[in-house]
Protein backbone atom coordinates (compact mmCIF):
# COMPACT_ATOMS: atom_id res chain seq x y z
CA UNK A 1 0.00 0.00 0.00
CA UNK A 2 1.37 3.39 -0.96
CA UNK A 3 1.70 6.20 1.62
CA UNK A 4 -1.13 8.21 0.06
CA UNK A 5 -3.41 5.20 -0.50
CA UNK A 6 -6.58 5.60 1.60
CA UNK A 7 -7.87 2.08 0.94
CA UNK A 8 -8.53 0.44 4.28
CA UNK A 9 -6.60 -2.75 4.96
CA UNK A 10 -8.88 -5.74 5.42
CA UNK A 11 -8.50 -7.48 8.78
CA UNK A 12 -7.63 -11.15 8.83
CA UNK A 13 -10.76 -13.23 8.37
CA UNK A 14 -12.76 -10.35 6.86
CA UNK A 15 -13.40 -12.22 3.61
CA UNK A 16 -14.97 -15.17 5.46
CA UNK A 17 -16.71 -13.98 8.60
CA UNK A 18 -16.90 -10.54 10.19
CA UNK A 19 -15.11 -9.55 13.34
CA UNK A 20 -17.17 -9.56 16.53
CA UNK A 21 -17.60 -7.17 19.42
CA UNK A 22 -18.06 -8.64 22.89
CA UNK A 23 -19.35 -6.49 25.75
CA UNK A 24 -18.70 -7.66 29.29
CA UNK A 25 -18.44 -6.43 32.83
CA UNK A 26 -15.18 -6.91 34.72
CA UNK A 27 -15.31 -8.86 37.94
CA UNK A 28 -15.44 -6.72 41.04
CA UNK A 29 -12.55 -7.47 43.39
CA UNK A 30 -12.39 -6.48 47.06
CA UNK A 31 -9.13 -4.61 47.71
CA UNK A 32 -9.77 -3.75 51.38
CA UNK A 33 -12.77 -4.03 53.65
CA UNK A 34 -14.18 -0.81 52.13
CA UNK A 35 -12.53 -0.54 48.68
CA UNK A 36 -13.49 -2.40 45.54
CA UNK A 37 -11.88 -2.48 42.13
CA UNK A 38 -13.37 -3.51 38.81
CA UNK A 39 -17.02 -3.80 37.97
CA UNK A 40 -16.53 -1.50 35.00
CA UNK A 41 -17.69 -2.27 31.47
CA UNK A 42 -15.33 -3.45 28.70
CA UNK A 43 -15.54 -4.32 25.04
CA UNK A 44 -13.35 -6.62 22.99
CA UNK A 45 -12.98 -6.90 19.21
CA UNK A 46 -12.13 -10.40 17.99
CA UNK A 47 -11.49 -11.76 14.52
CA UNK A 48 -13.44 -14.63 12.95
CA UNK A 49 -11.16 -17.18 14.64
CA UNK A 50 -11.69 -15.62 18.08
CA UNK A 51 -8.29 -13.92 18.33
CA UNK A 52 -8.59 -10.75 20.42
CA UNK A 53 -7.58 -7.75 18.31
CA UNK A 54 -8.44 -4.96 20.74
CA UNK A 55 -9.76 -4.70 24.29
CA UNK A 56 -10.92 -1.48 25.93
CA UNK A 57 -12.47 -0.82 29.30
CA UNK A 58 -13.14 1.56 32.10
CA UNK A 59 -16.69 2.49 31.10
CA UNK A 60 -19.05 3.25 33.98
CA UNK A 61 -22.11 1.85 32.21
CA UNK A 62 -23.04 -0.56 29.45
CA UNK A 63 -24.57 2.39 27.57
CA UNK A 64 -21.21 4.24 27.55
CA UNK A 65 -19.49 1.07 26.38
CA UNK A 66 -21.96 0.58 23.50
CA UNK A 67 -21.63 4.26 22.57
CA UNK A 68 -17.85 3.87 22.26
CA UNK A 69 -18.33 0.87 19.94
CA UNK A 70 -20.77 2.87 17.79
CA UNK A 71 -18.31 5.76 17.48
CA UNK A 72 -15.52 3.34 16.55
CA UNK A 73 -17.64 1.58 13.93
CA UNK A 74 -18.70 4.90 12.37
CA UNK A 75 -15.23 6.48 12.24
CA UNK A 76 -12.46 3.86 12.27
CA UNK A 77 -12.68 3.24 8.54
CA UNK A 78 -11.64 6.84 7.95
CA UNK A 79 -8.62 6.73 10.27
CA UNK A 80 -5.24 7.16 8.62
CA UNK A 81 -1.86 5.87 9.60
CA UNK A 82 0.64 8.75 9.42
CA UNK A 83 3.73 8.24 7.30
CA UNK A 84 6.92 7.65 9.29
CA UNK A 85 8.85 10.85 9.88
C-alpha atoms as a PDB file:
ATOM      1  CA  UNK A   1       0.000   0.000   0.000  1.00  0.00           C
ATOM      2  CA  UNK A   2       1.373   3.393  -0.958  1.00  0.00           C
ATOM      3  CA  UNK A   3       1.702   6.198   1.624  1.00  0.00           C
ATOM      4  CA  UNK A   4      -1.129   8.205   0.056  1.00  0.00           C
ATOM      5  CA  UNK A   5      -3.414   5.200  -0.496  1.00  0.00           C
ATOM      6  CA  UNK A   6      -6.576   5.604   1.598  1.00  0.00           C
ATOM      7  CA  UNK A   7      -7.869   2.082   0.938  1.00  0.00           C
ATOM      8  CA  UNK A   8      -8.527   0.442   4.276  1.00  0.00           C
ATOM      9  CA  UNK A   9      -6.603  -2.750   4.957  1.00  0.00           C
ATOM     10  CA  UNK A  10      -8.878  -5.740   5.420  1.00  0.00           C
ATOM     11  CA  UNK A  11      -8.499  -7.478   8.778  1.00  0.00           C
ATOM     12  CA  UNK A  12      -7.634 -11.147   8.830  1.00  0.00           C
ATOM     13  CA  UNK A  13     -10.758 -13.227   8.368  1.00  0.00           C
ATOM     14  CA  UNK A  14     -12.759 -10.354   6.864  1.00  0.00           C
ATOM     15  CA  UNK A  15     -13.400 -12.216   3.613  1.00  0.00           C
ATOM     16  CA  UNK A  16     -14.967 -15.168   5.462  1.00  0.00           C
ATOM     17  CA  UNK A  17     -16.715 -13.976   8.601  1.00  0.00           C
ATOM     18  CA  UNK A  18     -16.902 -10.544  10.189  1.00  0.00           C
ATOM     19  CA  UNK A  19     -15.113  -9.551  13.343  1.00  0.00           C
ATOM     20  CA  UNK A  20     -17.169  -9.564  16.527  1.00  0.00           C
ATOM     21  CA  UNK A  21     -17.596  -7.166  19.419  1.00  0.00           C
ATOM     22  CA  UNK A  22     -18.059  -8.636  22.888  1.00  0.00           C
ATOM     23  CA  UNK A  23     -19.349  -6.492  25.753  1.00  0.00           C
ATOM     24  CA  UNK A  24     -18.699  -7.662  29.289  1.00  0.00           C
ATOM     25  CA  UNK A  25     -18.442  -6.430  32.833  1.00  0.00           C
ATOM     26  CA  UNK A  26     -15.179  -6.909  34.720  1.00  0.00           C
ATOM     27  CA  UNK A  27     -15.309  -8.863  37.940  1.00  0.00           C
ATOM     28  CA  UNK A  28     -15.443  -6.721  41.041  1.00  0.00           C
ATOM     29  CA  UNK A  29     -12.551  -7.471  43.387  1.00  0.00           C
ATOM     30  CA  UNK A  30     -12.394  -6.480  47.056  1.00  0.00           C
ATOM     31  CA  UNK A  31      -9.127  -4.613  47.707  1.00  0.00           C
ATOM     32  CA  UNK A  32      -9.766  -3.752  51.379  1.00  0.00           C
ATOM     33  CA  UNK A  33     -12.774  -4.027  53.650  1.00  0.00           C
ATOM     34  CA  UNK A  34     -14.176  -0.812  52.126  1.00  0.00           C
ATOM     35  CA  UNK A  35     -12.533  -0.536  48.676  1.00  0.00           C
ATOM     36  CA  UNK A  36     -13.488  -2.403  45.540  1.00  0.00           C
ATOM     37  CA  UNK A  37     -11.885  -2.475  42.126  1.00  0.00           C
ATOM     38  CA  UNK A  38     -13.366  -3.512  38.809  1.00  0.00           C
ATOM     39  CA  UNK A  39     -17.023  -3.798  37.971  1.00  0.00           C
ATOM     40  CA  UNK A  40     -16.528  -1.500  34.998  1.00  0.00           C
ATOM     41  CA  UNK A  41     -17.685  -2.274  31.468  1.00  0.00           C
ATOM     42  CA  UNK A  42     -15.329  -3.446  28.703  1.00  0.00           C
ATOM     43  CA  UNK A  43     -15.542  -4.324  25.040  1.00  0.00           C
ATOM     44  CA  UNK A  44     -13.346  -6.619  22.993  1.00  0.00           C
ATOM     45  CA  UNK A  45     -12.984  -6.897  19.206  1.00  0.00           C
ATOM     46  CA  UNK A  46     -12.134 -10.397  17.987  1.00  0.00           C
ATOM     47  CA  UNK A  47     -11.489 -11.765  14.517  1.00  0.00           C
ATOM     48  CA  UNK A  48     -13.438 -14.625  12.947  1.00  0.00           C
ATOM     49  CA  UNK A  49     -11.161 -17.177  14.638  1.00  0.00           C
ATOM     50  CA  UNK A  50     -11.687 -15.618  18.077  1.00  0.00           C
ATOM     51  CA  UNK A  51      -8.294 -13.916  18.330  1.00  0.00           C
ATOM     52  CA  UNK A  52      -8.594 -10.753  20.415  1.00  0.00           C
ATOM     53  CA  UNK A  53      -7.583  -7.751  18.306  1.00  0.00           C
ATOM     54  CA  UNK A  54      -8.443  -4.963  20.738  1.00  0.00           C
ATOM     55  CA  UNK A  55      -9.756  -4.702  24.286  1.00  0.00           C
ATOM     56  CA  UNK A  56     -10.922  -1.476  25.929  1.00  0.00           C
ATOM     57  CA  UNK A  57     -12.473  -0.816  29.296  1.00  0.00           C
ATOM     58  CA  UNK A  58     -13.141   1.560  32.095  1.00  0.00           C
ATOM     59  CA  UNK A  59     -16.693   2.488  31.096  1.00  0.00           C
ATOM     60  CA  UNK A  60     -19.048   3.252  33.977  1.00  0.00           C
ATOM     61  CA  UNK A  61     -22.114   1.848  32.214  1.00  0.00           C
ATOM     62  CA  UNK A  62     -23.041  -0.555  29.452  1.00  0.00           C
ATOM     63  CA  UNK A  63     -24.574   2.394  27.569  1.00  0.00           C
ATOM     64  CA  UNK A  64     -21.215   4.241  27.550  1.00  0.00           C
ATOM     65  CA  UNK A  65     -19.488   1.068  26.377  1.00  0.00           C
ATOM     66  CA  UNK A  66     -21.958   0.578  23.505  1.00  0.00           C
ATOM     67  CA  UNK A  67     -21.626   4.258  22.571  1.00  0.00           C
ATOM     68  CA  UNK A  68     -17.847   3.875  22.261  1.00  0.00           C
ATOM     69  CA  UNK A  69     -18.326   0.872  19.943  1.00  0.00           C
ATOM     70  CA  UNK A  70     -20.772   2.865  17.794  1.00  0.00           C
ATOM     71  CA  UNK A  71     -18.307   5.760  17.481  1.00  0.00           C
ATOM     72  CA  UNK A  72     -15.516   3.341  16.554  1.00  0.00           C
ATOM     73  CA  UNK A  73     -17.641   1.585  13.931  1.00  0.00           C
ATOM     74  CA  UNK A  74     -18.699   4.902  12.374  1.00  0.00           C
ATOM     75  CA  UNK A  75     -15.233   6.483  12.245  1.00  0.00           C
ATOM     76  CA  UNK A  76     -12.459   3.860  12.269  1.00  0.00           C
ATOM     77  CA  UNK A  77     -12.681   3.238   8.544  1.00  0.00           C
ATOM     78  CA  UNK A  78     -11.640   6.839   7.946  1.00  0.00           C
ATOM     79  CA  UNK A  79      -8.615   6.735  10.271  1.00  0.00           C
ATOM     80  CA  UNK A  80      -5.242   7.163   8.616  1.00  0.00           C
ATOM     81  CA  UNK A  81      -1.859   5.868   9.603  1.00  0.00           C
ATOM     82  CA  UNK A  82       0.639   8.746   9.418  1.00  0.00           C
ATOM     83  CA  UNK A  83       3.731   8.237   7.301  1.00  0.00           C
ATOM     84  CA  UNK A  84       6.925   7.650   9.286  1.00  0.00           C
ATOM     85  CA  UNK A  85       8.852  10.848   9.884  1.00  0.00           C
END
